[in-house]
Amino acid sequence: MELIYKVYYKLNKKLINNEKEYLKSIDIDKIYDSIIKECWKYSIQYELILKNKYVLEIMLYGKRCNRLLKFHKSTYVTYEDYLSFLYKCNNVNIDKAYYICTGFFKKEVINANHYEKLPFKIILEDNVRFISKQMMMNSKHKDRLSRNYIRFYGYIPD
């Protein structure tokens, strides 16, 4: 799957780079509303863990699995941020966790996530991968992110 995102980025590099600024300016409330709409649509229970100007953490309870989703508005995600997220993941019963940021993950975070042996999977998504995924999920293949609604269907548990 990683290869698909790399190829998509190479083909649409200019469009994705233009959308990075929009992603940085998006409000956490709009992200929260989009997630809640998806939860209502698919009858998913949710629990808000943390919501402030820069961070949204929400627990999603599916019929067969649980997921923790963190949306972080920052230029770089440090190792300390990752460790605090890992600590929260260890304290709740989850099968998968998503860490989405509007910037990039430092190399030490990527290495720690890759080599860490955990009973659950943590998926790190930086701005390029998140934008690529959003644009690929759009059925009309528009050349920009939706200004009214960001899709979180891929993050909703079964």
Protein backbone atom coordinates (compact mmCIF):
# COMPACT_ATOMS: atom_id res chain seq x y z
CA MET A 1 0.00 0.00 0.00
CA GLU A 2 2.91 2.31 0.71
CA LEU A 3 3.99 2.00 -2.92
CA ILE A 4 0.60 3.24 -4.10
CA TYR A 5 0.93 6.40 -1.98
CA LYS A 6 4.45 7.04 -3.28
CA VAL A 7 3.37 6.68 -6.91
CA TYR A 8 0.30 8.86 -6.32
CA TYR A 9 2.50 11.52 -4.71
CA LYS A 10 4.96 11.48 -7.60
CA LEU A 11 2.14 11.91 -10.11
CA ASN A 12 0.34 14.64 -8.13
CA LYS A 13 3.20 16.33 -6.28
CA LYS A 14 2.19 19.89 -7.18
CA LEU A 15 -1.45 19.41 -6.13
CA ILE A 16 -0.53 17.74 -2.85
CA ASN A 17 1.97 20.47 -1.99
CA ASN A 18 -0.72 23.10 -2.56
CA GLU A 19 -3.07 21.29 -0.17
CA LYS A 20 -0.52 21.18 2.67
CA GLU A 21 -1.25 24.79 3.61
CA TYR A 22 -4.97 24.11 3.77
CA LEU A 23 -4.38 21.10 6.00
CA LYS A 24 -2.30 23.21 8.38
CA SER A 25 -5.03 25.84 8.60
CA ILE A 26 -7.94 23.46 9.13
CA ASP A 27 -9.68 23.76 12.48
CA ILE A 28 -9.75 20.85 14.94
CA ASP A 29 -13.51 21.38 15.34
CA LYS A 30 -14.00 20.64 11.63
CA ILE A 31 -11.96 17.42 11.98
CA TYR A 32 -14.00 16.45 15.05
CA ASP A 33 -17.28 17.10 13.21
CA SER A 34 -16.16 14.96 10.27
CA ILE A 35 -15.25 12.04 12.54
CA ILE A 36 -18.53 12.30 14.45
CA LYS A 37 -20.55 12.32 11.22
CA GLU A 38 -18.79 9.12 10.12
CA CYS A 39 -19.49 7.55 13.53
CA TRP A 40 -23.19 8.42 13.33
CA LYS A 41 -23.39 7.17 9.76
CA TYR A 42 -21.93 3.75 10.62
CA SER A 43 -23.29 3.44 14.20
CA ILE A 44 -19.87 3.57 15.86
CA GLN A 45 -19.52 4.43 19.54
CA TYR A 46 -16.88 7.04 20.32
CA GLU A 47 -15.27 8.63 23.33
CA LEU A 48 -13.49 11.97 23.23
CA ILE A 49 -10.21 11.73 25.13
CA LEU A 50 -8.58 15.07 24.37
CA LYS A 51 -9.54 18.05 22.26
CA ASN A 52 -7.76 21.38 22.19
CA LYS A 53 -6.53 23.83 19.58
CA TYR A 54 -3.77 21.52 18.30
CA VAL A 55 -4.69 17.95 19.25
CA LEU A 56 -7.72 15.70 18.89
CA GLU A 57 -7.71 12.23 20.45
CA ILE A 58 -10.76 10.06 20.12
CA MET A 59 -11.46 6.42 20.91
CA LEU A 60 -13.65 4.55 18.40
CA TYR A 61 -15.50 1.40 19.48
CA GLY A 62 -16.53 -1.00 16.72
CA LYS A 63 -18.37 -4.30 16.95
CA ARG A 64 -15.20 -6.38 16.51
CA CYS A 65 -12.33 -3.99 17.22
CA ASN A 66 -11.43 -0.68 18.85
CA ARG A 67 -9.24 2.09 17.46
CA LEU A 68 -7.54 5.14 18.85
CA LEU A 69 -7.22 8.13 16.53
CA LYS A 70 -5.00 11.13 17.15
CA PHE A 71 -4.97 14.18 14.87
CA HIS A 72 -2.06 16.48 15.72
CA LYS A 73 -1.51 19.91 14.21
CA SER A 74 2.25 20.39 14.39
CA THR A 75 5.20 20.85 12.06
CA TYR A 76 7.16 17.96 13.59
CA VAL A 77 6.10 15.15 15.88
CA THR A 78 8.79 14.57 18.47
CA TYR A 79 9.73 11.34 20.15
CA GLU A 80 8.16 12.57 23.41
CA ASP A 81 4.81 13.11 21.64
CA TYR A 82 5.02 9.60 20.24
CA LEU A 83 5.84 8.13 23.65
CA SER A 84 2.84 9.83 25.27
CA PHE A 85 0.62 8.44 22.49
CA LEU A 86 2.15 4.99 22.96
CA TYR A 87 1.46 5.21 26.70
CA LYS A 88 -2.22 6.01 26.01
CA CYS A 89 -2.41 3.11 23.55
CA ASN A 90 -1.05 0.73 26.17
CA ASN A 91 -3.65 1.88 28.72
CA VAL A 92 -6.69 1.20 26.53
CA ASN A 93 -7.87 -1.94 24.77
CA ILE A 94 -7.24 -1.31 21.06
CA ASP A 95 -6.41 -3.29 17.94
CA LYS A 96 -5.07 -0.41 15.88
CA ALA A 97 -4.07 3.21 16.45
CA TYR A 98 -3.68 6.06 13.97
CA TYR A 99 -1.41 9.05 14.52
CA ILE A 100 -2.13 11.72 11.90
CA CYS A 101 -0.11 14.93 11.85
CA THR A 102 -0.17 17.99 9.62
CA GLY A 103 3.62 18.01 9.42
CA PHE A 104 6.23 15.27 9.52
CA PHE A 105 7.40 12.61 11.94
CA LYS A 106 10.99 12.84 13.09
CA LYS A 107 13.18 9.93 11.98
CA GLU A 108 13.51 8.60 15.53
CA VAL A 109 9.71 8.33 15.77
CA ILE A 110 9.50 6.36 12.52
CA ASN A 111 12.33 4.06 13.61
CA ALA A 112 10.79 3.50 17.05
CA ASN A 113 7.42 2.68 15.51
CA HIS A 114 8.97 0.31 12.99
CA TYR A 115 11.11 -1.69 15.44
CA GLU A 116 8.78 -1.68 18.46
CA LYS A 117 7.02 -5.00 19.12
CA LEU A 118 3.47 -4.17 20.20
CA PRO A 119 0.24 -6.18 20.57
CA PHE A 120 -1.46 -3.56 18.37
CA LYS A 121 -0.48 -1.66 15.27
CA ILE A 122 0.28 2.07 15.20
CA ILE A 123 -0.05 3.70 11.80
CA LEU A 124 1.77 7.01 11.35
CA GLU A 125 0.39 9.33 8.68
CA ASP A 126 2.14 12.58 7.83
CA ASN A 127 0.62 15.38 5.78
CA VAL A 128 1.57 13.90 2.40
CA ARG A 129 0.13 10.47 3.10
CA PHE A 130 -3.03 11.90 4.69
CA ILE A 131 -3.68 14.25 1.75
CA SER A 132 -2.96 11.47 -0.77
CA LYS A 133 -5.34 9.14 1.03
CA GLN A 134 -8.07 11.79 1.17
CA MET A 135 -7.71 12.62 -2.52
CA MET A 136 -7.67 8.93 -3.49
CA MET A 137 -10.81 8.24 -1.41
CA ASN A 138 -12.68 10.95 -3.31
CA SER A 139 -14.71 9.19 -5.98
CA LYS A 140 -14.55 12.14 -8.37
CA HIS A 141 -10.75 12.47 -8.00
CA LYS A 142 -10.88 16.19 -7.49
CA ASP A 143 -7.59 18.03 -7.48
CA ARG A 144 -8.01 19.28 -3.90
CA LEU A 145 -9.25 18.32 -0.48
CA SER A 146 -12.88 18.85 0.32
CA ARG A 147 -13.29 22.19 2.06
CA ASN A 148 -16.43 21.12 3.91
CA TYR A 149 -15.87 17.49 4.77
CA ILE A 150 -12.82 15.30 5.33
CA ARG A 151 -13.46 11.59 5.03
CA PHE A 152 -12.50 9.34 7.94
CA TYR A 153 -14.17 6.18 6.66
CA GLY A 154 -10.83 4.35 6.44
CA TYR A 155 -10.18 4.92 10.13
CA ILE A 156 -13.55 3.68 11.42
CA PRO A 157 -13.44 0.20 13.05
CA ASP A 158 -15.54 -2.77 11.96
